[in-house]
Amino acid sequence: MADTSLESLREQIDKLDSDLQALINERARLAQAVAKVKQRDGEDPVFYRPEREAQILRRVKDRNDGPLDGETVARLFREVMSACLALEQLTRVAFLGPEGTFTHQAVLKHFGHSVEAVPLGAIDEVFREVEAGAVPYGIVPVENSTEGIVNHTLDTFMDSSLKICGEVELRIHHHLMIGPHTQRDKISRVYSHQQTLAQCRKWLDSHMPGVERVAVASNAQAARRLKDEWNAAAIAGEMAAELYQLEVMQNNIEDRPDNTTRFIIIGRQDTPPSGNDKTSILVSGKNRPGLLYHVLEPFQRHGLNLTRLESRPSRTRNWNYVFFIDFEGHREQEQVQTVLRELDEDGLDIRFLGSYPRAVL
């Protein structure tokens, strides 16, 4: 009969820990060898491969048989991959700052903690830094399940040549927090980003009806304001509370418990197929009867599933519109190429924004 004493179980854990450490370091040595082969063979010096990482994480989740759930195990592998990639090349990622925002959390969720996260003050600044080559990648929010599209991100794409090379979805939990000098019974204003205030509208109406709601540039900025204020609270995420040493008065005050924000990774590279991909395009055309039908009909006829459709005013002429479309599939697939060709032949202007792996984590 197997020895199940506490001492024996601890010895088995210690042995497994030693084996795991040796295997992780062996994986790291192989990552270093891959980098040397790329340099020796004169290959493209891009070390971050979104399609390759997505394939690995999907396999991790598919073969997982517990007791840890697949998401948890994939997150562990995400950090191992991040650390190994940093041995090849430290990845720099610009994001909508300051530190402690949900976009910062999205950086760490998608790339792991072994990256250099560069906070910037606005979405268009993130685009400019990536376009200029100051950083290879950026992360910006694109849509929220409660409040919809982030118009600033879509509008910035109209004048950008950058590509979407990945996406990450982040479950958003908003917390009401106070600073070290806050007097709980005298709170007269609450700071947060305007989208966050909208996502917590019902809770605020019910619990803080007479309190002024002040929109600021980011949730992290709202958290930072509490350092010297005695009559204010802020709504932000757990990361901001930890970073700025604030006390959480109330957890999870978002109106919808499934509140999720989708972020996109922008870069200058095209991404090969991963086996489970999405494509984003921008379509525009002269205003004519049935324009939207002409845009959508080829997708239906060729069986391509649209996952998002948004229209934004064109900057070239009043009452003309640009359509942002996300759909399942990769640009290299025959079906996708056929649809894009038919749209072009119909006199529509198409800008390819990127084909990229669907979010895994």
Protein backbone atom coordinates (compact mmCIF):
# COMPACT_ATOMS: atom_id res chain seq x y z
CA MET A 1 0.00 0.00 0.00
CA ALA A 2 1.35 3.42 -0.96
CA ASP A 3 2.67 5.54 1.88
CA THR A 4 0.21 8.43 2.34
CA SER A 5 1.72 9.92 5.48
CA LEU A 6 2.14 13.68 5.55
CA GLU A 7 5.92 13.34 5.49
CA SER A 8 5.81 11.05 2.46
CA LEU A 9 3.44 13.35 0.55
CA ARG A 10 5.70 16.33 1.21
CA GLU A 11 8.71 14.35 -0.03
CA GLN A 12 6.82 13.54 -3.25
CA ILE A 13 5.95 17.23 -3.72
CA ASP A 14 9.59 18.22 -3.18
CA LYS A 15 10.69 15.68 -5.79
CA LEU A 16 8.14 16.96 -8.31
CA ASP A 17 9.19 20.55 -7.64
CA SER A 18 12.78 19.61 -8.42
CA ASP A 19 11.75 17.84 -11.63
CA LEU A 20 9.56 20.77 -12.72
CA GLN A 21 12.39 23.24 -12.14
CA ALA A 22 14.79 21.15 -14.21
CA LEU A 23 12.27 20.83 -17.05
CA ILE A 24 11.49 24.56 -17.08
CA ASN A 25 15.18 25.39 -17.32
CA GLU A 26 15.59 22.84 -20.11
CA ARG A 27 12.77 24.57 -21.98
CA ALA A 28 14.55 27.89 -21.45
CA ARG A 29 17.78 26.47 -22.90
CA LEU A 30 15.86 25.30 -25.97
CA ALA A 31 14.38 28.81 -26.36
CA GLN A 32 17.91 30.23 -26.33
CA ALA A 33 18.92 27.68 -28.95
CA VAL A 34 16.00 28.72 -31.15
CA ALA A 35 17.17 32.33 -30.99
CA LYS A 36 20.69 31.33 -32.04
CA VAL A 37 19.38 29.30 -34.98
CA LYS A 38 17.29 32.26 -36.17
CA GLN A 39 20.30 34.57 -36.00
CA ARG A 40 22.55 32.03 -37.70
CA ASP A 41 20.12 31.39 -40.56
CA GLY A 42 19.34 35.06 -41.03
CA GLU A 43 15.62 34.55 -40.32
CA ASP A 44 13.20 37.31 -39.49
CA PRO A 45 14.34 38.55 -36.05
CA VAL A 46 10.74 38.60 -34.74
CA PHE A 47 10.69 36.49 -31.59
CA TYR A 48 7.09 37.00 -30.48
CA ARG A 49 4.92 34.70 -32.61
CA PRO A 50 1.23 35.13 -31.73
CA GLU A 51 0.09 32.14 -33.77
CA ARG A 52 2.67 29.81 -32.21
CA GLU A 53 1.82 30.90 -28.66
CA ALA A 54 -1.91 30.51 -29.31
CA GLN A 55 -1.36 26.97 -30.62
CA ILE A 56 0.67 26.02 -27.53
CA LEU A 57 -1.90 27.41 -25.10
CA ARG A 58 -4.77 25.69 -26.90
CA ARG A 59 -2.93 22.36 -26.67
CA VAL A 60 -2.33 22.97 -22.95
CA LYS A 61 -6.05 23.48 -22.36
CA ASP A 62 -7.08 20.55 -24.59
CA ARG A 63 -4.84 17.98 -22.90
CA ASN A 64 -5.48 19.17 -19.35
CA ASP A 65 -7.25 16.55 -17.19
CA GLY A 66 -7.31 18.35 -13.82
CA PRO A 67 -7.67 18.79 -10.97
CA LEU A 68 -6.48 22.28 -11.97
CA ASP A 69 -8.80 23.80 -14.59
CA GLY A 70 -7.53 24.44 -18.11
CA GLU A 71 -7.51 28.22 -17.75
CA THR A 72 -5.31 28.04 -14.64
CA VAL A 73 -2.82 25.65 -16.24
CA ALA A 74 -2.69 27.80 -19.40
CA ARG A 75 -1.88 30.86 -17.29
CA LEU A 76 1.02 28.98 -15.70
CA PHE A 77 2.35 28.06 -19.14
CA ARG A 78 1.82 31.66 -20.25
CA GLU A 79 4.29 32.82 -17.58
CA VAL A 80 6.81 30.11 -18.46
CA MET A 81 6.62 31.12 -22.13
CA SER A 82 6.97 34.79 -21.19
CA ALA A 83 10.12 34.13 -19.15
CA CYS A 84 11.62 31.97 -21.92
CA LEU A 85 10.87 34.60 -24.57
CA ALA A 86 12.59 37.24 -22.45
CA LEU A 87 15.79 35.16 -22.69
CA GLU A 88 15.59 35.49 -26.47
CA GLN A 89 14.49 39.13 -26.52
CA LEU A 90 12.76 41.32 -23.92
CA THR A 91 9.42 42.38 -25.39
CA ARG A 92 8.36 46.00 -24.95
CA VAL A 93 4.62 46.73 -25.03
CA ALA A 94 3.01 50.17 -24.96
CA PHE A 95 -0.38 50.48 -23.30
CA LEU A 96 -2.98 53.05 -22.30
CA GLY A 97 -1.66 54.08 -18.90
CA PRO A 98 -0.94 54.94 -16.22
CA GLU A 99 0.09 51.79 -14.38
CA GLY A 100 -2.78 49.94 -12.80
CA THR A 101 -5.33 50.35 -15.62
CA PHE A 102 -7.27 47.43 -17.05
CA THR A 103 -5.17 47.82 -20.20
CA HIS A 104 -2.09 47.22 -18.03
CA GLN A 105 -3.75 44.04 -16.74
CA ALA A 106 -4.43 43.01 -20.34
CA VAL A 107 -0.71 43.39 -21.17
CA LEU A 108 0.26 41.03 -18.35
CA LYS A 109 -2.51 38.55 -19.16
CA HIS A 110 -1.53 38.29 -22.83
CA PHE A 111 2.27 38.64 -22.67
CA GLY A 112 3.00 37.47 -19.12
CA HIS A 113 4.99 39.38 -16.53
CA SER A 114 8.40 39.07 -18.23
CA VAL A 115 7.84 42.09 -20.47
CA GLU A 116 8.57 45.79 -20.28
CA ALA A 117 5.19 47.52 -20.11
CA VAL A 118 5.36 51.15 -21.30
CA PRO A 119 2.47 53.36 -20.06
CA LEU A 120 1.26 56.16 -22.36
CA GLY A 121 -1.36 58.84 -21.89
CA ALA A 122 -3.69 58.27 -24.84
CA ILE A 123 -4.71 55.68 -27.41
CA ASP A 124 -3.27 57.65 -30.33
CA GLU A 125 0.07 57.87 -28.47
CA VAL A 126 0.17 54.06 -28.32
CA PHE A 127 -0.37 53.93 -32.09
CA ARG A 128 2.33 56.56 -32.74
CA GLU A 129 4.95 54.81 -30.60
CA VAL A 130 4.39 51.52 -32.42
CA GLU A 131 4.35 53.19 -35.85
CA ALA A 132 7.61 54.97 -35.05
CA GLY A 133 9.28 51.72 -34.00
CA ALA A 134 9.89 52.93 -30.44
CA VAL A 135 8.09 49.80 -29.23
CA PRO A 136 7.21 46.73 -31.31
CA TYR A 137 3.70 46.24 -29.88
CA GLY A 138 0.88 48.09 -28.22
CA ILE A 139 -2.38 47.15 -26.52
CA VAL A 140 -5.55 49.26 -26.70
CA PRO A 141 -9.19 48.60 -25.73
CA VAL A 142 -11.59 48.09 -28.63
CA GLU A 143 -14.96 47.09 -27.14
CA ASN A 144 -16.81 46.37 -23.92
CA SER A 145 -19.64 43.88 -23.54
CA THR A 146 -21.76 46.42 -21.64
CA GLU A 147 -20.94 49.80 -23.20
CA GLY A 148 -19.96 48.76 -26.71
CA ILE A 149 -17.23 50.00 -29.00
CA VAL A 150 -14.29 52.26 -28.10
CA ASN A 151 -14.69 54.84 -30.86
CA HIS A 152 -11.26 56.40 -30.36
CA THR A 153 -9.54 53.12 -31.21
CA LEU A 154 -11.54 52.61 -34.40
CA ASP A 155 -11.07 56.22 -35.51
CA THR A 156 -7.31 55.98 -35.02
CA PHE A 157 -7.15 52.98 -37.37
CA MET A 158 -8.44 55.16 -40.21
CA ASP A 159 -5.09 56.93 -40.42
CA SER A 160 -2.83 54.08 -39.32
CA SER A 161 -0.92 51.42 -41.24
CA LEU A 162 -0.56 49.17 -38.19
CA LYS A 163 -1.84 45.59 -38.10
CA ILE A 164 -3.85 43.76 -35.47
CA CYS A 165 -1.79 40.72 -34.46
CA GLY A 166 -3.71 39.44 -31.44
CA GLU A 167 -6.57 39.96 -29.02
CA VAL A 168 -7.18 39.42 -25.33
CA GLU A 169 -10.42 39.42 -23.36
CA LEU A 170 -10.44 40.58 -19.75
CA ARG A 171 -13.28 40.08 -17.29
CA ILE A 172 -13.78 43.50 -15.71
CA HIS A 173 -14.55 43.85 -12.02
CA HIS A 174 -14.96 47.37 -10.65
CA HIS A 175 -14.38 48.17 -6.97
CA LEU A 176 -15.27 51.26 -4.95
CA MET A 177 -12.17 52.39 -3.06
CA ILE A 178 -11.06 55.14 -0.70
CA GLY A 179 -7.75 56.71 0.27
CA PRO A 180 -5.99 56.94 3.64
CA HIS A 181 -7.58 60.34 4.44
CA THR A 182 -11.10 59.67 3.16
CA GLN A 183 -13.96 60.31 5.59
CA ARG A 184 -16.46 57.61 4.71
CA ASP A 185 -19.55 59.57 5.77
CA LYS A 186 -18.58 62.70 3.81
CA ILE A 187 -17.91 61.33 0.32
CA SER A 188 -19.26 63.89 -2.16
CA ARG A 189 -17.65 62.80 -5.42
CA VAL A 190 -16.47 59.61 -7.09
CA TYR A 191 -13.77 59.51 -9.76
CA SER A 192 -13.46 57.04 -12.62
CA HIS A 193 -13.20 56.70 -16.38
CA GLN A 194 -16.45 57.61 -18.14
CA GLN A 195 -16.95 54.04 -19.40
CA THR A 196 -16.50 52.68 -15.89
CA LEU A 197 -19.04 55.14 -14.51
CA ALA A 198 -21.46 53.95 -17.20
CA GLN A 199 -20.79 50.29 -16.37
CA CYS A 200 -21.61 50.97 -12.68
CA ARG A 201 -24.55 53.33 -13.28
CA LYS A 202 -27.24 51.25 -11.58
CA TRP A 203 -25.14 50.57 -8.50
CA LEU A 204 -24.27 54.26 -8.15
CA ASP A 205 -27.91 55.29 -8.62
CA SER A 206 -28.91 52.92 -5.85
CA HIS A 207 -26.11 53.37 -3.31
CA MET A 208 -24.64 56.85 -4.00
CA PRO A 209 -27.50 58.85 -5.59
CA GLY A 210 -26.35 62.28 -4.41
CA VAL A 211 -22.65 61.85 -5.11
CA GLU A 212 -21.08 63.74 -8.03
CA ARG A 213 -19.58 61.48 -10.70
CA VAL A 214 -16.36 62.90 -12.13
CA ALA A 215 -14.96 61.36 -15.33
CA VAL A 216 -11.14 61.26 -15.62
CA ALA A 217 -8.73 59.88 -18.21
CA SER A 218 -8.32 56.45 -16.61
CA ASN A 219 -9.30 54.40 -13.57
CA ALA A 220 -5.70 54.45 -12.37
CA GLN A 221 -5.70 58.25 -12.50
CA ALA A 222 -8.90 58.18 -10.43
CA ALA A 223 -7.16 55.98 -7.87
CA ARG A 224 -4.13 58.27 -7.70
CA ARG A 225 -6.35 61.29 -6.95
CA LEU A 226 -7.37 59.83 -3.61
CA LYS A 227 -3.92 60.26 -2.09
CA ASP A 228 -4.66 63.79 -0.85
CA GLU A 229 -8.47 63.96 -0.84
CA TRP A 230 -10.74 63.45 2.17
CA ASN A 231 -14.20 63.59 0.55
CA ALA A 232 -13.74 61.44 -2.59
CA ALA A 233 -13.84 57.82 -3.67
CA ALA A 234 -12.76 56.10 -6.88
CA ILE A 235 -13.87 53.17 -8.97
CA ALA A 236 -11.04 51.06 -10.36
CA GLY A 237 -9.68 47.53 -10.55
CA GLU A 238 -7.92 45.42 -7.95
CA MET A 239 -4.52 46.14 -9.49
CA ALA A 240 -4.98 49.90 -8.96
CA ALA A 241 -6.03 49.35 -5.33
CA GLU A 242 -2.86 47.35 -4.66
CA LEU A 243 -0.57 49.66 -6.58
CA TYR A 244 -1.80 52.86 -4.90
CA GLN A 245 -2.46 51.27 -1.49
CA LEU A 246 -6.17 52.03 -1.29
CA GLU A 247 -8.89 50.41 0.77
CA VAL A 248 -11.69 48.67 -1.11
CA MET A 249 -15.06 49.65 0.35
CA GLN A 250 -17.20 47.54 -1.99
CA ASN A 251 -16.23 44.79 -4.41
CA ASN A 252 -17.71 44.08 -7.84
CA ILE A 253 -20.07 47.02 -8.27
CA GLU A 254 -20.37 46.60 -12.07
CA ASP A 255 -23.97 46.32 -13.23
CA ARG A 256 -23.34 43.12 -15.19
CA PRO A 257 -21.34 40.27 -13.61
CA ASP A 258 -20.15 39.09 -17.05
CA ASN A 259 -18.74 42.54 -17.91
CA THR A 260 -15.81 41.93 -20.30
CA THR A 261 -13.52 44.19 -22.32
CA ARG A 262 -11.76 43.10 -25.50
CA PHE A 263 -8.30 44.50 -26.21
CA ILE A 264 -6.29 44.24 -29.41
CA ILE A 265 -2.54 43.92 -29.88
CA ILE A 266 -1.19 46.21 -32.58
CA GLY A 267 2.12 45.82 -34.37
CA ARG A 268 3.78 46.09 -37.78
CA GLN A 269 3.83 42.39 -38.70
CA ASP A 270 1.40 40.06 -40.42
CA THR A 271 0.48 36.98 -38.41
CA PRO A 272 0.39 33.50 -40.02
CA PRO A 273 -2.63 31.22 -39.44
CA SER A 274 -2.98 29.57 -36.03
CA GLY A 275 -5.91 27.31 -36.91
CA ASN A 276 -8.54 29.38 -35.09
CA ASP A 277 -8.36 32.96 -36.29
CA LYS A 278 -10.25 36.19 -36.82
CA THR A 279 -9.80 38.87 -39.47
CA SER A 280 -10.53 42.58 -39.19
CA ILE A 281 -11.09 44.87 -42.17
CA LEU A 282 -12.22 48.41 -42.85
CA VAL A 283 -14.66 48.85 -45.78
CA SER A 284 -15.88 52.08 -47.35
CA GLY A 285 -17.63 53.06 -50.55
CA LYS A 286 -19.61 55.77 -52.26
CA ASN A 287 -23.03 56.31 -50.73
CA ARG A 288 -25.61 54.37 -52.78
CA PRO A 289 -28.83 52.43 -52.20
CA GLY A 290 -28.13 49.05 -50.62
CA LEU A 291 -24.50 49.85 -49.74
CA LEU A 292 -24.60 47.84 -46.52
CA TYR A 293 -26.19 44.91 -48.38
CA HIS A 294 -23.37 44.97 -50.93
CA VAL A 295 -20.86 44.89 -48.05
CA LEU A 296 -22.48 41.99 -46.17
CA GLU A 297 -23.89 39.75 -48.89
CA PRO A 298 -20.60 38.05 -49.93
CA PHE A 299 -19.96 37.00 -46.31
CA GLN A 300 -23.34 35.28 -46.10
CA ARG A 301 -22.99 33.61 -49.50
CA HIS A 302 -19.55 32.18 -48.70
CA GLY A 303 -20.41 31.14 -45.13
CA LEU A 304 -18.12 33.49 -43.21
CA ASN A 305 -19.41 34.36 -39.74
CA LEU A 306 -19.26 38.03 -38.76
CA THR A 307 -18.40 38.65 -35.10
CA ARG A 308 -18.64 42.45 -35.15
CA LEU A 309 -19.91 45.21 -37.42
CA GLU A 310 -19.52 48.90 -36.59
CA SER A 311 -19.97 52.03 -38.67
CA ARG A 312 -18.13 55.31 -38.15
CA PRO A 313 -18.49 58.60 -40.02
CA SER A 314 -16.03 58.96 -42.88
CA ARG A 315 -13.57 61.82 -42.59
CA THR A 316 -13.65 62.45 -46.33
CA ARG A 317 -17.26 63.49 -46.86
CA ASN A 318 -20.36 64.26 -44.79
CA TRP A 319 -22.87 61.41 -44.38
CA ASN A 320 -20.49 58.80 -45.76
CA TYR A 321 -19.57 55.93 -43.48
CA VAL A 322 -16.77 53.46 -42.91
CA PHE A 323 -17.58 49.91 -41.78
CA PHE A 324 -15.33 48.05 -39.36
CA ILE A 325 -15.87 44.30 -39.70
CA ASP A 326 -14.52 41.36 -37.70
CA PHE A 327 -15.16 37.85 -38.99
CA GLU A 328 -13.99 34.30 -38.41
CA GLY A 329 -11.17 33.04 -40.61
CA HIS A 330 -7.69 34.01 -41.81
CA ARG A 331 -6.68 36.05 -44.84
CA GLU A 332 -4.80 33.06 -46.29
CA GLN A 333 -7.99 30.95 -46.44
CA GLU A 334 -9.56 30.60 -49.88
CA GLN A 335 -13.03 31.65 -48.65
CA VAL A 336 -11.66 34.86 -47.16
CA GLN A 337 -9.66 35.71 -50.27
CA THR A 338 -12.78 35.18 -52.40
CA VAL A 339 -14.89 37.53 -50.27
CA LEU A 340 -12.23 40.24 -50.24
CA ARG A 341 -11.84 39.96 -54.01
CA GLU A 342 -15.60 40.25 -54.59
CA LEU A 343 -15.82 43.33 -52.35
CA ASP A 344 -13.01 44.94 -54.35
CA GLU A 345 -14.66 44.07 -57.66
CA ASP A 346 -17.88 45.70 -56.40
CA GLY A 347 -16.07 49.05 -56.16
CA LEU A 348 -15.62 49.02 -52.38
CA ASP A 349 -12.42 50.25 -50.75
CA ILE A 350 -10.92 47.70 -48.37
CA ARG A 351 -8.19 48.14 -45.81
CA PHE A 352 -6.90 44.94 -44.26
CA LEU A 353 -6.36 45.47 -40.52
CA GLY A 354 -5.07 42.02 -39.68
CA SER A 355 -5.67 38.29 -39.29
CA TYR A 356 -4.82 37.01 -35.82
CA PRO A 357 -5.52 34.20 -33.32
CA ARG A 358 -8.78 34.29 -31.40
CA ALA A 359 -8.28 35.02 -27.70
CA VAL A 360 -7.21 31.91 -25.81
CA LEU A 361 -7.00 33.32 -22.27
